[in-house]
C-alpha atoms as a PDB file:
ATOM      1  CA  MET A   1      82.757 -94.227  -1.385  1.00  0.00           C
ATOM      2  CA  SER A   2      86.126 -95.823  -0.535  1.00  0.00           C
ATOM      3  CA  THR A   3      85.635 -96.160   3.262  1.00  0.00           C
ATOM      4  CA  PRO A   4      82.179 -97.341   4.489  1.00  0.00           C
ATOM      5  CA  LEU A   5      80.777 -95.002   7.195  1.00  0.00           C
ATOM      6  CA  PRO A   6      80.139 -96.825  10.518  1.00  0.00           C
ATOM      7  CA  VAL A   7      76.818 -96.802  12.043  1.00  0.00           C
ATOM      8  CA  THR A   8      75.580 -97.736  15.417  1.00  0.00           C
ATOM      9  CA  LEU A   9      72.033 -98.341  16.616  1.00  0.00           C
ATOM     10  CA  ILE A  10      71.167 -97.255  20.225  1.00  0.00           C
ATOM     11  CA  ALA A  11      67.719 -98.850  21.108  1.00  0.00           C
ATOM     12  CA  GLY A  12      65.748 -99.428  24.284  1.00  0.00           C
ATOM     13  CA  TYR A  13      62.405 -99.085  25.887  1.00  0.00           C
ATOM     14  CA  LEU A  14      60.906 -95.750  26.776  1.00  0.00           C
ATOM     15  CA  GLY A  15      62.727 -94.221  29.676  1.00  0.00           C
ATOM     16  CA  ALA A  16      65.826 -96.317  29.350  1.00  0.00           C
ATOM     17  CA  GLY A  17      68.038 -93.317  29.175  1.00  0.00           C
ATOM     18  CA  LYS A  18      68.918 -93.050  25.528  1.00  0.00           C
ATOM     19  CA  THR A  19      68.799 -89.224  25.543  1.00  0.00           C
ATOM     20  CA  THR A  20      71.293 -88.996  28.357  1.00  0.00           C
ATOM     21  CA  VAL A  21      73.637 -91.616  26.783  1.00  0.00           C
ATOM     22  CA  VAL A  22      73.600 -89.844  23.413  1.00  0.00           C
ATOM     23  CA  ASN A  23      74.283 -86.297  25.021  1.00  0.00           C
ATOM     24  CA  HIS A  24      77.201 -87.823  26.898  1.00  0.00           C
ATOM     25  CA  LEU A  25      78.744 -89.178  23.767  1.00  0.00           C
ATOM     26  CA  LEU A  26      78.370 -85.746  21.932  1.00  0.00           C
ATOM     27  CA  ARG A  27      80.031 -84.101  24.929  1.00  0.00           C
ATOM     28  CA  HIS A  28      83.076 -86.609  24.649  1.00  0.00           C
ATOM     29  CA  ALA A  29      83.294 -86.789  20.876  1.00  0.00           C
ATOM     30  CA  ASN A  30      86.912 -85.586  21.135  1.00  0.00           C
ATOM     31  CA  GLY A  31      87.132 -84.180  17.626  1.00  0.00           C
ATOM     32  CA  ARG A  32      84.937 -86.958  16.149  1.00  0.00           C
ATOM     33  CA  ARG A  33      82.243 -85.699  13.880  1.00  0.00           C
ATOM     34  CA  LEU A  34      79.021 -87.479  15.052  1.00  0.00           C
ATOM     35  CA  ALA A  35      75.808 -87.573  13.242  1.00  0.00           C
ATOM     36  CA  VAL A  36      72.772 -88.520  15.346  1.00  0.00           C
ATOM     37  CA  LEU A  37      69.536 -89.577  13.583  1.00  0.00           C
ATOM     38  CA  VAL A  38      66.255 -89.573  15.412  1.00  0.00           C
ATOM     39  CA  ASN A  39      62.608 -89.954  14.360  1.00  0.00           C
ATOM     40  CA  GLU A  40      61.914 -86.306  15.660  1.00  0.00           C
ATOM     41  CA  PHE A  41      63.603 -83.865  17.463  1.00  0.00           C
ATOM     42  CA  GLY A  42      61.299 -83.915  20.419  1.00  0.00           C
ATOM     43  CA  ALA A  43      62.214 -87.420  21.060  1.00  0.00           C
ATOM     44  CA  LEU A  44      65.904 -86.447  21.735  1.00  0.00           C
ATOM     45  CA  PRO A  45      66.194 -82.978  23.400  1.00  0.00           C
ATOM     46  CA  ILE A  46      69.918 -82.188  22.892  1.00  0.00           C
ATOM     47  CA  ASP A  47      71.337 -80.328  25.833  1.00  0.00           C
ATOM     48  CA  GLU A  48      71.073 -76.632  25.045  1.00  0.00           C
ATOM     49  CA  ASP A  49      74.574 -75.750  25.672  1.00  0.00           C
ATOM     50  CA  LEU A  50      75.838 -78.111  22.943  1.00  0.00           C
ATOM     51  CA  ILE A  51      73.653 -76.464  20.330  1.00  0.00           C
ATOM     52  CA  GLU A  52      75.186 -73.938  18.008  1.00  0.00           C
ATOM     53  CA  ALA A  53      72.453 -73.507  15.484  1.00  0.00           C
ATOM     54  CA  GLN A  54      69.147 -75.013  14.588  1.00  0.00           C
ATOM     55  CA  ASP A  55      66.767 -75.230  11.373  1.00  0.00           C
ATOM     56  CA  ASP A  56      63.832 -77.379  10.480  1.00  0.00           C
ATOM     57  CA  ASP A  57      65.647 -80.559  10.121  1.00  0.00           C
ATOM     58  CA  LEU A  58      69.093 -80.252  11.492  1.00  0.00           C
ATOM     59  CA  ILE A  59      70.881 -79.170  14.741  1.00  0.00           C
ATOM     60  CA  SER A  60      74.296 -78.109  14.552  1.00  0.00           C
ATOM     61  CA  ILE A  61      76.312 -79.063  17.687  1.00  0.00           C
ATOM     62  CA  ALA A  62      79.708 -77.941  18.892  1.00  0.00           C
ATOM     63  CA  GLY A  63      82.698 -79.691  17.526  1.00  0.00           C
ATOM     64  CA  GLY A  64      81.333 -80.555  14.180  1.00  0.00           C
ATOM     65  CA  CYS A  65      78.541 -82.964  15.223  1.00  0.00           C
ATOM     66  CA  ILE A  66      74.893 -82.756  13.961  1.00  0.00           C
ATOM     67  CA  CYS A  67      71.456 -83.986  14.847  1.00  0.00           C
ATOM     68  CA  CYS A  68      69.031 -84.885  11.994  1.00  0.00           C
ATOM     69  CA  SER A  69      65.430 -85.838  12.091  1.00  0.00           C
ATOM     70  CA  PHE A  70      64.514 -88.649   9.691  1.00  0.00           C
ATOM     71  CA  GLY A  71      60.794 -89.033  10.302  1.00  0.00           C
ATOM     72  CA  SER A  72      59.681 -92.059   8.471  1.00  0.00           C
ATOM     73  CA  ASP A  73      62.611 -92.158   5.874  1.00  0.00           C
ATOM     74  CA  LEU A  74      65.652 -93.375   7.583  1.00  0.00           C
ATOM     75  CA  THR A  75      67.220 -94.756   4.381  1.00  0.00           C
ATOM     76  CA  GLY A  76      66.921 -91.182   2.768  1.00  0.00           C
ATOM     77  CA  ALA A  77      68.532 -89.685   5.742  1.00  0.00           C
ATOM     78  CA  LEU A  78      71.483 -91.861   5.597  1.00  0.00           C
ATOM     79  CA  ILE A  79      71.979 -91.497   1.912  1.00  0.00           C
ATOM     80  CA  GLU A  80      72.018 -87.502   2.646  1.00  0.00           C
ATOM     81  CA  LEU A  81      74.411 -88.035   5.518  1.00  0.00           C
ATOM     82  CA  ALA A  82      76.975 -89.953   3.392  1.00  0.00           C
ATOM     83  CA  ALA A  83      76.897 -87.145   0.764  1.00  0.00           C
ATOM     84  CA  LEU A  84      77.892 -84.484   3.254  1.00  0.00           C
ATOM     85  CA  ASP A  85      81.278 -82.786   2.896  1.00  0.00           C
ATOM     86  CA  PRO A  86      82.843 -83.217   5.190  1.00  0.00           C
ATOM     87  CA  ARG A  87      80.777 -86.455   6.159  1.00  0.00           C
ATOM     88  CA  PRO A  88      80.456 -87.589   9.631  1.00  0.00           C
ATOM     89  CA  ASP A  89      83.045 -90.055  11.177  1.00  0.00           C
ATOM     90  CA  HIS A  90      80.235 -92.149  12.815  1.00  0.00           C
ATOM     91  CA  VAL A  91      76.337 -92.314  12.738  1.00  0.00           C
ATOM     92  CA  LEU A  92      74.333 -93.012  15.764  1.00  0.00           C
ATOM     93  CA  ILE A  93      70.684 -93.926  15.072  1.00  0.00           C
ATOM     94  CA  GLU A  94      68.501 -93.475  18.286  1.00  0.00           C
ATOM     95  CA  ALA A  95      65.413 -95.853  17.760  1.00  0.00           C
ATOM     96  CA  SER A  96      62.083 -94.930  19.248  1.00  0.00           C
ATOM     97  CA  GLY A  97      61.165 -96.496  22.616  1.00  0.00           C
ATOM     98  CA  VAL A  98      59.063 -99.127  21.027  1.00  0.00           C
ATOM     99  CA  ALA A  99      61.173-100.039  17.924  1.00  0.00           C
ATOM    100  CA  ILE A 100      62.408-103.642  17.489  1.00  0.00           C
ATOM    101  CA  PRO A 101      66.210-102.941  16.728  1.00  0.00           C
ATOM    102  CA  GLY A 102      66.489-106.204  14.535  1.00  0.00           C
ATOM    103  CA  ALA A 103      64.172-104.565  12.006  1.00  0.00           C
ATOM    104  CA  ILE A 104      66.189-101.509  11.770  1.00  0.00           C
ATOM    105  CA  ALA A 105      69.537-103.258  11.617  1.00  0.00           C
ATOM    106  CA  GLY A 106      68.248-105.395   8.802  1.00  0.00           C
ATOM    107  CA  ALA A 107      67.514-102.281   6.752  1.00  0.00           C
ATOM    108  CA  MET A 108      70.991-100.689   7.644  1.00  0.00           C
ATOM    109  CA  SER A 109      72.701-103.940   6.520  1.00  0.00           C
ATOM    110  CA  LEU A 110      71.206-103.486   3.066  1.00  0.00           C
ATOM    111  CA  LEU A 111      72.548-100.056   2.560  1.00  0.00           C
ATOM    112  CA  GLU A 112      75.497 -99.633   0.427  1.00  0.00           C
ATOM    113  CA  GLY A 113      78.336 -97.546   1.779  1.00  0.00           C
ATOM    114  CA  TYR A 114      77.783 -98.090   5.486  1.00  0.00           C
ATOM    115  CA  ALA A 115      79.279-100.448   7.932  1.00  0.00           C
ATOM    116  CA  PRO A 116      76.961-101.505  10.608  1.00  0.00           C
ATOM    117  CA  CYS A 117      78.885-101.459  13.962  1.00  0.00           C
ATOM    118  CA  GLY A 118      76.376-103.156  16.253  1.00  0.00           C
ATOM    119  CA  VAL A 119      73.064-102.669  18.205  1.00  0.00           C
ATOM    120  CA  CYS A 120      73.310-101.306  21.729  1.00  0.00           C
ATOM    121  CA  VAL A 121      70.258-101.663  23.707  1.00  0.00           C
ATOM    122  CA  LEU A 122      69.854 -99.735  27.015  1.00  0.00           C
ATOM    123  CA  ALA A 123      67.478-100.932  29.852  1.00  0.00           C
ATOM    124  CA  ASP A 124      66.751 -99.210  33.032  1.00  0.00           C
ATOM    125  CA  VAL A 125      67.650-101.543  35.721  1.00  0.00           C
ATOM    126  CA  THR A 126      65.313-100.021  38.270  1.00  0.00           C
ATOM    127  CA  SER A 127      62.131-100.681  36.062  1.00  0.00           C
ATOM    128  CA  LEU A 128      63.318-103.779  33.768  1.00  0.00           C
ATOM    129  CA  PRO A 129      61.933-106.697  36.000  1.00  0.00           C
ATOM    130  CA  LYS A 130      58.467-104.914  36.087  1.00  0.00           C
ATOM    131  CA  LEU A 131      58.457-104.044  32.381  1.00  0.00           C
ATOM    132  CA  ILE A 132      59.403-107.788  31.413  1.00  0.00           C
ATOM    133  CA  ALA A 133      56.607-109.074  33.576  1.00  0.00           C
ATOM    134  CA  ASP A 134      54.028-106.576  32.089  1.00  0.00           C
ATOM    135  CA  GLU A 135      51.651-108.479  29.678  1.00  0.00           C
ATOM    136  CA  TYR A 136      51.465-105.578  27.359  1.00  0.00           C
ATOM    137  CA  VAL A 137      55.030-104.328  27.017  1.00  0.00           C
ATOM    138  CA  GLY A 138      56.849-107.413  28.143  1.00  0.00           C
ATOM    139  CA  ASP A 139      57.223-108.985  24.714  1.00  0.00           C
ATOM    140  CA  THR A 140      58.508-105.926  23.204  1.00  0.00           C
ATOM    141  CA  VAL A 141      61.309-105.239  25.874  1.00  0.00           C
ATOM    142  CA  GLU A 142      62.230-108.982  25.511  1.00  0.00           C
ATOM    143  CA  ARG A 143      62.455-108.693  21.745  1.00  0.00           C
ATOM    144  CA  GLN A 144      64.567-105.585  21.992  1.00  0.00           C
ATOM    145  CA  LEU A 145      67.097-107.193  24.467  1.00  0.00           C
ATOM    146  CA  SER A 146      67.094-110.319  22.137  1.00  0.00           C
ATOM    147  CA  ASP A 147      68.254-108.146  19.335  1.00  0.00           C
ATOM    148  CA  ALA A 148      71.057-106.583  21.289  1.00  0.00           C
ATOM    149  CA  GLY A 149      74.717-107.120  20.545  1.00  0.00           C
ATOM    150  CA  LEU A 150      75.518-105.088  23.777  1.00  0.00           C
ATOM    151  CA  ILE A 151      73.202-104.599  26.438  1.00  0.00           C
ATOM    152  CA  VAL A 152      73.754-101.410  28.485  1.00  0.00           C
ATOM    153  CA  LEU A 153      72.085-101.362  31.938  1.00  0.00           C
ATOM    154  CA  THR A 154      71.394 -97.767  32.972  1.00  0.00           C
ATOM    155  CA  LYS A 155      70.612 -95.960  36.035  1.00  0.00           C
ATOM    156  CA  ALA A 156      72.817 -98.277  37.970  1.00  0.00           C
ATOM    157  CA  ASP A 157      73.542 -95.721  40.724  1.00  0.00           C
ATOM    158  CA  LEU A 158      69.870 -95.238  41.805  1.00  0.00           C
ATOM    159  CA  ASP A 159      69.438 -98.750  43.094  1.00  0.00           C
ATOM    160  CA  PRO A 160      72.868-100.726  43.159  1.00  0.00           C
ATOM    161  CA  ALA A 161      71.307-104.001  44.770  1.00  0.00           C
ATOM    162  CA  THR A 162      68.690-104.172  42.260  1.00  0.00           C
ATOM    163  CA  ALA A 163      71.157-103.291  39.440  1.00  0.00           C
ATOM    164  CA  ASN A 164      73.230-106.283  40.531  1.00  0.00           C
ATOM    165  CA  GLU A 165      70.517-108.672  40.836  1.00  0.00           C
ATOM    166  CA  THR A 166      69.041-107.706  37.459  1.00  0.00           C
ATOM    167  CA  GLU A 167      72.365-108.033  35.781  1.00  0.00           C
ATOM    168  CA  SER A 168      72.780-111.375  37.248  1.00  0.00           C
ATOM    169  CA  TRP A 169      69.368-112.611  36.174  1.00  0.00           C
ATOM    170  CA  LEU A 170      69.943-111.109  32.518  1.00  0.00           C
ATOM    171  CA  ARG A 171      73.224-112.992  32.216  1.00  0.00           C
ATOM    172  CA  THR A 172      71.313-116.107  32.725  1.00  0.00           C
ATOM    173  CA  LYS A 173      68.785-115.349  29.956  1.00  0.00           C
ATOM    174  CA  TYR A 174      71.405-113.651  27.524  1.00  0.00           C
ATOM    175  CA  LEU A 175      74.608-115.807  27.925  1.00  0.00           C
ATOM    176  CA  ALA A 176      76.240-114.803  24.726  1.00  0.00           C
ATOM    177  CA  THR A 177      75.521-111.026  24.914  1.00  0.00           C
ATOM    178  CA  PRO A 178      77.988-108.730  26.575  1.00  0.00           C
ATOM    179  CA  MET A 179      76.391-106.291  29.167  1.00  0.00           C
ATOM    180  CA  LEU A 180      77.680-103.724  31.476  1.00  0.00           C
ATOM    181  CA  LEU A 181      76.125-101.282  34.082  1.00  0.00           C
ATOM    182  CA  VAL A 182      76.601 -97.561  33.766  1.00  0.00           C
ATOM    183  CA  SER A 183      75.502 -94.524  35.721  1.00  0.00           C
ATOM    184  CA  ASP A 184      74.250 -91.116  34.741  1.00  0.00           C
ATOM    185  CA  GLY A 185      74.432 -92.322  30.897  1.00  0.00           C
ATOM    186  CA  LYS A 186      78.205 -92.307  31.065  1.00  0.00           C
ATOM    187  CA  LEU A 187      78.788 -94.951  28.447  1.00  0.00           C
ATOM    188  CA  ALA A 188      82.620 -94.822  27.613  1.00  0.00           C
ATOM    189  CA  PRO A 189      82.833 -93.616  23.864  1.00  0.00           C
ATOM    190  CA  ALA A 190      85.574 -96.041  23.190  1.00  0.00           C
ATOM    191  CA  LEU A 191      83.153 -98.918  23.311  1.00  0.00           C
ATOM    192  CA  LEU A 192      81.322 -97.588  20.327  1.00  0.00           C
ATOM    193  CA  PHE A 193      83.817 -95.740  18.509  1.00  0.00           C
ATOM    194  CA  ASP A 194      87.767 -95.817  18.475  1.00  0.00           C
ATOM    195  CA  ALA A 195      89.335 -98.626  20.687  1.00  0.00           C
ATOM    196  CA  PRO A 196      92.416 -96.915  22.116  1.00  0.00           C
ATOM    197  CA  ALA A 197      95.275 -99.233  23.012  1.00  0.00           C
ATOM    198  CA  SER A 198      97.344 -96.923  25.008  1.00  0.00           C
ATOM    199  CA  ILE A 199      95.373 -95.789  27.925  1.00  0.00           C
ATOM    200  CA  PRO A 200      92.662 -97.696  29.910  1.00  0.00           C
ATOM    201  CA  VAL A 201      89.045 -97.018  29.203  1.00  0.00           C
ATOM    202  CA  GLN A 202      87.263 -95.895  32.425  1.00  0.00           C
ATOM    203  CA  SER A 203      83.912 -97.225  33.374  1.00  0.00           C
ATOM    204  CA  SER A 204      81.215 -95.257  35.139  1.00  0.00           C
ATOM    205  CA  GLY A 205      79.329 -98.368  36.281  1.00  0.00           C
ATOM    206  CA  THR A 206      79.107-100.046  39.806  1.00  0.00           C
ATOM    207  CA  HIS A 207      81.345-102.766  39.142  1.00  0.00           C
ATOM    208  CA  ALA A 208      84.144-103.413  41.364  1.00  0.00           C
ATOM    209  CA  ASP A 209      87.378-101.501  40.297  1.00  0.00           C
ATOM    210  CA  ALA A 210      85.041 -99.840  37.660  1.00  0.00           C
ATOM    211  CA  ASP A 211      87.358-100.014  34.696  1.00  0.00           C
ATOM    212  CA  TYR A 212      87.975-102.236  31.614  1.00  0.00           C
ATOM    213  CA  ASP A 213      90.758-104.360  30.585  1.00  0.00           C
ATOM    214  CA  SER A 214      92.174-104.117  26.960  1.00  0.00           C
ATOM    215  CA  PHE A 215      94.936-105.606  25.054  1.00  0.00           C
ATOM    216  CA  VAL A 216      96.364-105.585  21.425  1.00  0.00           C
ATOM    217  CA  TYR A 217      96.483-108.784  19.246  1.00  0.00           C
ATOM    218  CA  THR A 218      99.081-108.296  16.457  1.00  0.00           C
ATOM    219  CA  PRO A 219      98.765-111.253  13.899  1.00  0.00           C
ATOM    220  CA  PRO A 220     102.224-112.743  13.049  1.00  0.00           C
ATOM    221  CA  ALA A 221     100.832-113.980   9.656  1.00  0.00           C
ATOM    222  CA  ARG A 222      97.691-113.739   7.350  1.00  0.00           C
ATOM    223  CA  ILE A 223      94.300-114.653   8.898  1.00  0.00           C
ATOM    224  CA  ALA A 224      91.261-116.490   7.662  1.00  0.00           C
ATOM    225  CA  VAL A 225      89.214-113.367   8.185  1.00  0.00           C
ATOM    226  CA  LYS A 226      85.697-114.722   7.701  1.00  0.00           C
ATOM    227  CA  ASP A 227      86.053-117.720   9.658  1.00  0.00           C
ATOM    228  CA  MET A 228      87.737-115.569  12.530  1.00  0.00           C
ATOM    229  CA  ALA A 229      84.784-113.088  12.299  1.00  0.00           C
ATOM    230  CA  GLN A 230      82.174-116.034  12.779  1.00  0.00           C
ATOM    231  CA  ALA A 231      84.196-117.282  15.659  1.00  0.00           C
ATOM    232  CA  LEU A 232      84.155-113.872  17.338  1.00  0.00           C
ATOM    233  CA  ARG A 233      80.343-113.695  16.815  1.00  0.00           C
ATOM    234  CA  GLN A 234      79.758-116.846  18.790  1.00  0.00           C
ATOM    235  CA  SER A 235      82.291-116.247  21.413  1.00  0.00           C
ATOM    236  CA  ALA A 236      81.501-115.488  25.081  1.00  0.00           C
ATOM    237  CA  LEU A 237      84.829-114.324  26.081  1.00  0.00           C
ATOM    238  CA  GLY A 238      84.100-111.000  27.617  1.00  0.00           C
ATOM    239  CA  ILE A 239      84.727-108.888  24.627  1.00  0.00           C
ATOM    240  CA  ILE A 240      82.612-105.605  24.579  1.00  0.00           C
ATOM    241  CA  ARG A 241      84.633-103.837  21.851  1.00  0.00           C
ATOM    242  CA  ALA A 242      87.152-104.689  19.207  1.00  0.00           C
ATOM    243  CA  LYS A 243      88.633-102.677  16.314  1.00  0.00           C
ATOM    244  CA  GLY A 244      91.604-103.199  14.050  1.00  0.00           C
ATOM    245  CA  PHE A 245      93.106-104.436  10.899  1.00  0.00           C
ATOM    246  CA  VAL A 246      94.283-107.948   9.648  1.00  0.00           C
ATOM    247  CA  THR A 247      95.597-109.296   6.455  1.00  0.00           C
ATOM    248  CA  ASP A 248      93.425-111.938   4.777  1.00  0.00           C
ATOM    249  CA  ALA A 249      94.535-115.070   2.961  1.00  0.00           C
ATOM    250  CA  ASP A 250      94.747-112.990  -0.425  1.00  0.00           C
ATOM    251  CA  GLY A 251      96.914-110.277   1.155  1.00  0.00           C
ATOM    252  CA  ALA A 252      94.305-107.677   1.395  1.00  0.00           C
ATOM    253  CA  ARG A 253      93.987-105.427   4.342  1.00  0.00           C
ATOM    254  CA  ALA A 254      90.665-105.933   6.203  1.00  0.00           C
ATOM    255  CA  LEU A 255      89.096-103.720   9.098  1.00  0.00           C
ATOM    256  CA  ILE A 256      87.361-105.660  11.917  1.00  0.00           C
ATOM    257  CA  GLN A 257      84.804-103.897  13.991  1.00  0.00           C
ATOM    258  CA  MET A 258      83.190-105.551  16.887  1.00  0.00           C
ATOM    259  CA  VAL A 259      80.646-104.089  19.294  1.00  0.00           C
ATOM    260  CA  GLY A 260      79.051-106.732  21.562  1.00  0.00           C
ATOM    261  CA  LYS A 261      78.479-109.721  19.581  1.00  0.00           C
ATOM    262  CA  ALA A 262      78.092-107.820  16.230  1.00  0.00           C
ATOM    263  CA  VAL A 263      81.230-108.203  13.957  1.00  0.00           C
ATOM    264  CA  ASP A 264      81.540-106.303  10.650  1.00  0.00           C
ATOM    265  CA  VAL A 265      84.443-106.809   8.063  1.00  0.00           C
ATOM    266  CA  THR A 266      85.210-104.138   5.526  1.00  0.00           C
ATOM    267  CA  TYR A 267      88.072-103.556   3.062  1.00  0.00           C
ATOM    268  CA  PRO A 268      89.004 -99.828   3.161  1.00  0.00           C
ATOM    269  CA  ASP A 269      91.573 -98.487   0.830  1.00  0.00           C
ATOM    270  CA  THR A 270      94.447 -98.305   3.617  1.00  0.00           C
ATOM    271  CA  ASP A 271      97.945 -99.661   4.498  1.00  0.00           C
ATOM    272  CA  ALA A 272      97.379 -99.427   8.197  1.00  0.00           C
ATOM    273  CA  GLN A 273      99.506-101.678  10.265  1.00  0.00           C
ATOM    274  CA  PRO A 274      97.896-105.111  11.369  1.00  0.00           C
ATOM    275  CA  GLY A 275      96.617-105.318  15.003  1.00  0.00           C
ATOM    276  CA  ILE A 276      93.353-105.503  16.768  1.00  0.00           C
ATOM    277  CA  VAL A 277      92.329-103.840  20.100  1.00  0.00           C
ATOM    278  CA  PHE A 278      90.041-106.089  22.359  1.00  0.00           C
ATOM    279  CA  ILE A 279      88.271-104.300  25.272  1.00  0.00           C
ATOM    280  CA  GLY A 280      86.126-105.802  28.040  1.00  0.00           C
ATOM    281  CA  LEU A 281      85.216-105.483  31.605  1.00  0.00           C
ATOM    282  CA  LYS A 282      87.996-105.965  34.193  1.00  0.00           C
ATOM    283  CA  GLY A 283      88.071-109.631  35.166  1.00  0.00           C
ATOM    284  CA  GLN A 284      85.865-110.774  32.367  1.00  0.00           C
ATOM    285  CA  LEU A 285      88.001-110.274  29.367  1.00  0.00           C
ATOM    286  CA  ASP A 286      89.692-113.702  28.690  1.00  0.00           C
ATOM    287  CA  GLU A 287      92.695-112.484  26.949  1.00  0.00           C
ATOM    288  CA  ALA A 288      94.442-115.984  26.935  1.00  0.00           C
ATOM    289  CA  ALA A 289      91.311-117.754  25.357  1.00  0.00           C
ATOM    290  CA  ILE A 290      90.933-115.069  22.716  1.00  0.00           C
ATOM    291  CA  ARG A 291      94.467-115.265  21.706  1.00  0.00           C
ATOM    292  CA  ALA A 292      94.303-118.948  21.675  1.00  0.00           C
ATOM    293  CA  MET A 293      91.177-118.846  19.510  1.00  0.00           C
ATOM    294  CA  LEU A 294      92.665-116.305  17.035  1.00  0.00           C
ATOM    295  CA  ALA A 295      95.689-118.380  16.587  1.00  0.00           C
ATOM    296  CA  THR A 296      93.804-121.143  15.119  1.00  0.00           C
ATOM    297  CA  PHE A 297      92.874-118.812  12.188  1.00  0.00           C
ATOM    298  CA  GLU A 298      96.423-117.774  11.440  1.00  0.00           C
ATOM    299  CA  ILE A 299      97.739-118.735   8.015  1.00  0.00           C
ATOM    300  CA  ALA A 300     101.379-119.708   7.862  1.00  0.00           C
ATOM    301  CA  ALA A 301     103.648-117.711   5.575  1.00  0.00           C
ATOM    302  CA  VAL A 302     104.418-119.456   2.307  1.00  0.00           C
END
C-alpha cells in the first residue's frame, strides 16, 4: 500500500455524545469516503436517513461511507477495510464507552498500512465533574481524558455556565491537551480530516466569536522532520489540527498529520507542494510562536 490509510479514534464515557458526533461527520463527509468501525451496530445507531443498505456486518451510507461491526476483532476489520476497492479515505473507530483509548491506539500503531491520526476523547460537560468524583467510574473517565490528543467537551449548549467552568478546570489538569466546546455534536470535520487553508473553519461551540484561526506555513528549506514532529507533540501553542507536506533532510517528501497533541509522519509517494496548514481556536493559536519554533528546524540549502 503506497499511501497509509488515516485512522482516528473517537472515545469517551457512556453518554458523551459519540453517536451524535459520528452522525454529524457522516452528514458532512463532502465526498470523502469514511469508514466507521464500532463494536456492534446497536452501540452506534446511524441516522436512518443516511442508510442506503444494510446486511449482517456492514451498513452502506449515502456518499460512499460505510459502517462496520468489528466485535472483538478490530485488527481483522482494519485489514479488511484496507483491502476494499475503492478503499476508504479515512477510518473512524468508535470505542466503547468504558474502553481505555491508549490500549486501542497502541494496537493501531502496530498495524502496517495505517497512519494513526490521533485520539479524540469526548466528555459531556454537564455530567463530567460528577463522573470524575464517582468512586466506581472516576478512574476510567480520568484515564480516558489522560489518553486524549484532543478533548471535545460536548453538550455545551445545555448549560453554558457549567461548560465554561468545566473547561477552565480541565485546562488546569491537562495543560498540554487541546480542547474545545461543541454543541449538538457539531465537531468541524476539518479538525479530524482535511485542513483547508482557503476558508475559515466554523465552530459550533460557545466560545466568543465561535470560529477558528488558521494559517499556512511554507518552509523555505528542508526540515529536520523528526525533531519538528517531536517539538509539535510537546507544544502548547493552541494547535488543534495540522496537515501538510515538508521536505526532509534527505530530500524526501513527508506528510505531517497532527490532531491535538498526536503527530504522525509518513512518506507517501507524492510530489505535493510543501506547506502545512495549522488550525486552532480564535485567540489561542499562537502563530508567531509556532513559526518561530518551526524556523529552528529549517535546514539551510547547500
